[in-house]
N, C-alpha and C. Protein backbone atom coordinates (compact mmCIF):
# COMPACT_ATOMS: atom_id res chain seq x y z
N MET A 1 1.02 -1.30 -0.06
CA MET A 1 0.12 0.22 -0.13
C MET A 1 1.05 1.59 -0.21
N TYR A 2 1.69 1.34 0.96
CA TYR A 2 2.49 3.07 1.39
C TYR A 2 3.31 2.63 -0.47
N CYS A 3 4.04 1.76 -1.10
CA CYS A 3 4.36 2.05 -2.51
C CYS A 3 3.10 2.67 -3.19
N GLU A 4 2.50 1.77 -3.46
CA GLU A 4 0.86 2.56 -4.10
C GLU A 4 1.06 3.75 -4.00
N ALA A 5 0.79 4.23 -2.84
CA ALA A 5 0.36 5.84 -2.84
C ALA A 5 1.24 6.64 -3.14
N ASN A 6 2.77 6.47 -2.73
CA ASN A 6 3.70 6.64 -2.89
C ASN A 6 3.93 7.58 -4.46
N TYR A 7 3.58 6.09 -5.44
CA TYR A 7 3.78 6.27 -6.84
C TYR A 7 2.16 7.03 -7.28
N PHE A 8 1.30 6.80 -6.67
CA PHE A 8 0.12 7.36 -6.84
C PHE A 8 -0.02 8.87 -6.80
N SER A 9 0.76 9.06 -6.10
CA SER A 9 0.97 10.98 -5.22
C SER A 9 1.99 11.60 -6.07
N GLY A 10 3.45 10.68 -6.83
CA GLY A 10 4.08 11.09 -7.89
C GLY A 10 3.06 11.80 -9.01
N LEU A 11 2.17 11.25 -9.62
CA LEU A 11 1.43 10.71 -11.30
C LEU A 11 0.41 11.73 -11.05
N LEU A 12 0.36 12.26 -9.58
CA LEU A 12 -0.91 13.46 -9.42
C LEU A 12 0.09 14.35 -9.62
N PHE A 13 1.03 14.89 -9.82
CA PHE A 13 1.59 16.29 -9.91
C PHE A 13 2.48 16.16 -11.88
N SER A 14 3.15 14.78 -11.76
CA SER A 14 3.92 15.08 -13.47
C SER A 14 3.43 13.82 -13.73
N CYS A 15 3.70 13.82 -14.84
CA CYS A 15 4.18 12.60 -16.13
C CYS A 15 5.45 12.27 -16.14
N PRO A 16 6.08 11.01 -15.34
CA PRO A 16 7.54 10.70 -16.03
C PRO A 16 8.14 10.39 -17.46
N TYR A 17 7.02 10.57 -17.84
CA TYR A 17 7.07 10.55 -19.86
C TYR A 17 7.13 11.74 -20.77
N LYS A 18 7.76 11.90 -21.69
CA LYS A 18 8.22 13.20 -22.50
C LYS A 18 7.06 14.11 -22.71
N ASN A 19 5.79 13.10 -23.07
CA ASN A 19 4.51 13.88 -23.50
C ASN A 19 3.67 13.51 -23.32
N GLU A 20 3.22 14.21 -21.99
CA GLU A 20 1.32 13.84 -21.69
C GLU A 20 0.27 13.37 -22.80
N LEU A 21 -0.17 12.07 -22.65
CA LEU A 21 -0.90 12.65 -23.70
C LEU A 21 -2.37 13.12 -23.64
N GLU A 22 -3.00 13.13 -24.89
CA GLU A 22 -4.58 14.18 -24.12
C GLU A 22 -5.19 12.49 -23.40
N THR A 23 -5.48 11.53 -23.46
CA THR A 23 -6.21 10.49 -23.41
C THR A 23 -4.91 10.71 -21.92
N CYS A 24 -4.17 10.83 -21.05
CA CYS A 24 -4.04 10.29 -19.80
C CYS A 24 -5.22 10.88 -19.00
N ALA A 25 -4.82 9.40 -17.80
CA ALA A 25 -5.90 9.54 -17.28
C ALA A 25 -5.93 10.81 -15.92
N PHE A 26 -4.58 11.19 -15.68
CA PHE A 26 -4.01 12.06 -14.97
C PHE A 26 -4.07 13.68 -15.13
N LYS A 27 -4.14 13.46 -16.68
CA LYS A 27 -4.20 15.39 -17.07
C LYS A 27 -5.20 16.40 -16.39
N GLU A 28 -6.23 15.40 -16.63
CA GLU A 28 -7.47 17.00 -15.67
C GLU A 28 -6.82 16.83 -14.21
N ILE A 29 -6.66 15.96 -13.55
CA ILE A 29 -6.00 15.72 -11.90
C ILE A 29 -5.27 16.82 -12.08
N ARG A 30 -4.48 16.42 -12.73
CA ARG A 30 -3.30 17.47 -12.32
C ARG A 30 -2.97 19.01 -13.07
N LYS A 31 -4.71 19.46 -13.16
CA LYS A 31 -4.45 20.58 -13.43
C LYS A 31 -5.39 21.45 -12.58
N ILE A 32 -6.06 20.61 -11.66
CA ILE A 32 -6.89 21.13 -10.37
C ILE A 32 -5.81 21.60 -9.63
N ASP A 33 -6.19 22.46 -8.52
CA ASP A 33 -5.01 23.23 -7.48
C ASP A 33 -4.79 21.80 -6.53
N LEU A 34 -3.47 22.18 -5.88
CA LEU A 34 -2.48 21.08 -4.76
C LEU A 34 -3.73 21.13 -4.00
N ASP A 35 -4.49 22.10 -3.25
CA ASP A 35 -4.85 21.22 -2.26
C ASP A 35 -5.95 20.28 -2.71
N LYS A 36 -6.38 20.56 -3.20
CA LYS A 36 -7.97 19.74 -4.11
C LYS A 36 -7.14 18.14 -4.85
N ARG A 37 -5.61 18.28 -5.29
CA ARG A 37 -4.92 17.37 -5.32
C ARG A 37 -5.11 16.26 -4.65
N ILE A 38 -4.84 17.16 -3.19
CA ILE A 38 -4.35 16.42 -1.88
C ILE A 38 -5.24 15.49 -1.36
N GLU A 39 -6.74 16.84 -1.71
CA GLU A 39 -7.65 15.86 -1.25
C GLU A 39 -8.53 14.89 -1.92
N TYR A 40 -8.01 15.19 -3.49
CA TYR A 40 -8.46 14.01 -4.07
C TYR A 40 -7.72 12.03 -3.67
N PHE A 41 -6.23 13.17 -3.09
CA PHE A 41 -5.88 11.51 -3.27
C PHE A 41 -6.24 11.05 -1.85
N LEU A 42 -6.25 11.78 -0.49
CA LEU A 42 -6.80 11.11 0.86
C LEU A 42 -9.01 10.76 0.93
N ASN A 43 -9.19 11.10 -0.42
CA ASN A 43 -10.96 10.71 -1.00
C ASN A 43 -10.91 9.70 -1.86
N THR A 44 -8.76 9.19 -2.06
CA THR A 44 -9.44 8.00 -2.91
C THR A 44 -9.17 6.76 -2.51
N ASP A 45 -9.72 5.66 -3.21
CA ASP A 45 -9.42 3.94 -2.02
C ASP A 45 -8.44 3.30 -2.71
N LEU A 46 -7.48 2.40 -2.20
CA LEU A 46 -6.19 1.72 -2.94
C LEU A 46 -6.80 1.25 -4.39
N GLU A 47 -8.00 0.78 -4.10
CA GLU A 47 -8.56 0.05 -5.74
C GLU A 47 -8.14 1.03 -6.77
N GLU A 48 -9.04 2.66 -6.63
CA GLU A 48 -9.21 3.44 -7.92
C GLU A 48 -7.56 3.85 -8.18
N HIS A 49 -6.61 3.91 -7.06
CA HIS A 49 -5.33 4.13 -6.94
C HIS A 49 -4.62 3.60 -8.18
N ARG A 50 -4.97 1.53 -8.14
CA ARG A 50 -4.40 0.80 -8.32
C ARG A 50 -4.71 1.06 -10.24
N ASP A 51 -6.73 1.21 -10.36
CA ASP A 51 -6.80 1.36 -11.37
C ASP A 51 -6.26 2.23 -12.15
N LEU A 52 -5.76 3.20 -11.43
CA LEU A 52 -5.09 4.45 -12.39
C LEU A 52 -3.56 4.29 -12.33
N ILE A 53 -3.19 3.42 -11.73
CA ILE A 53 -1.93 3.16 -12.09
C ILE A 53 -1.51 2.55 -13.12
N THR A 54 -2.31 1.40 -13.41
CA THR A 54 -2.17 0.45 -14.42
C THR A 54 -2.68 1.56 -15.23
N LYS A 55 -3.24 2.30 -15.43
CA LYS A 55 -3.29 2.72 -16.96
C LYS A 55 -2.73 3.66 -17.57
N HIS A 56 -1.71 4.08 -16.27
CA HIS A 56 -0.38 5.07 -16.69
C HIS A 56 0.59 4.07 -17.24
N LEU A 57 0.96 2.53 -16.55
CA LEU A 57 1.33 1.68 -16.79
C LEU A 57 1.25 1.46 -18.18
N ASN A 58 0.00 1.55 -18.61
CA ASN A 58 -0.13 0.97 -19.79
C ASN A 58 -0.26 2.03 -21.37
N CYS A 59 1.15 2.91 -20.71
CA CYS A 59 0.36 3.76 -21.71
C CYS A 59 1.27 3.96 -22.89
N GLN A 60 1.17 4.43 -24.30
CA GLN A 60 1.69 4.50 -25.01
C GLN A 60 3.00 4.84 -24.75
N ASN A 61 3.28 6.05 -24.65
CA ASN A 61 4.06 6.04 -23.96
C ASN A 61 5.45 6.14 -23.33
N LYS A 62 5.09 4.23 -22.02
CA LYS A 62 5.90 4.18 -21.50
C LYS A 62 7.31 4.04 -21.75
N ASN A 63 7.73 4.01 -22.66
CA ASN A 63 9.22 3.75 -23.25
C ASN A 63 9.98 5.07 -23.56
N ASP A 64 9.71 5.95 -22.93
CA ASP A 64 10.07 7.51 -23.46
C ASP A 64 9.60 8.29 -22.28
N TYR A 65 10.59 8.14 -21.64
CA TYR A 65 10.64 8.45 -19.74
C TYR A 65 11.41 10.12 -20.15
N LYS A 66 11.31 11.13 -19.34
CA LYS A 66 12.16 12.02 -19.61
C LYS A 66 13.37 11.46 -18.79
N ILE A 67 14.12 12.70 -19.76
CA ILE A 67 15.57 12.20 -18.64
C ILE A 67 16.07 13.23 -17.06
N ILE A 68 16.20 12.60 -16.15
CA ILE A 68 16.11 13.74 -14.97
C ILE A 68 17.39 14.03 -14.74
N ASN A 69 18.18 13.03 -15.17
CA ASN A 69 19.39 13.49 -14.73
C ASN A 69 20.54 13.03 -15.49
N ASP A 70 21.37 14.09 -16.08
CA ASP A 70 22.35 13.45 -16.86
C ASP A 70 23.52 13.60 -16.82
N CYS A 71 24.37 12.59 -16.51
CA CYS A 71 25.53 12.81 -15.64
C CYS A 71 27.02 12.58 -16.75
N ASP A 72 26.33 12.12 -17.74
CA ASP A 72 27.79 12.64 -18.76
C ASP A 72 28.31 14.16 -18.53
């Protein structure tokens, strides 16, 4: 549960892929104010978190990650 909650909360704030798709399940959620996103997180259950995480993991962009730290 803890790991899923961390993963889900991270997805509420940004997409780890280079281009967020128009069909992204998190797209509209990311547009709302911070306090409302936190409220959304607290008021949704583990099953809904898992459902949205699964949609994210099945995203067409899954092999197109942002480069977070370039060490070269």
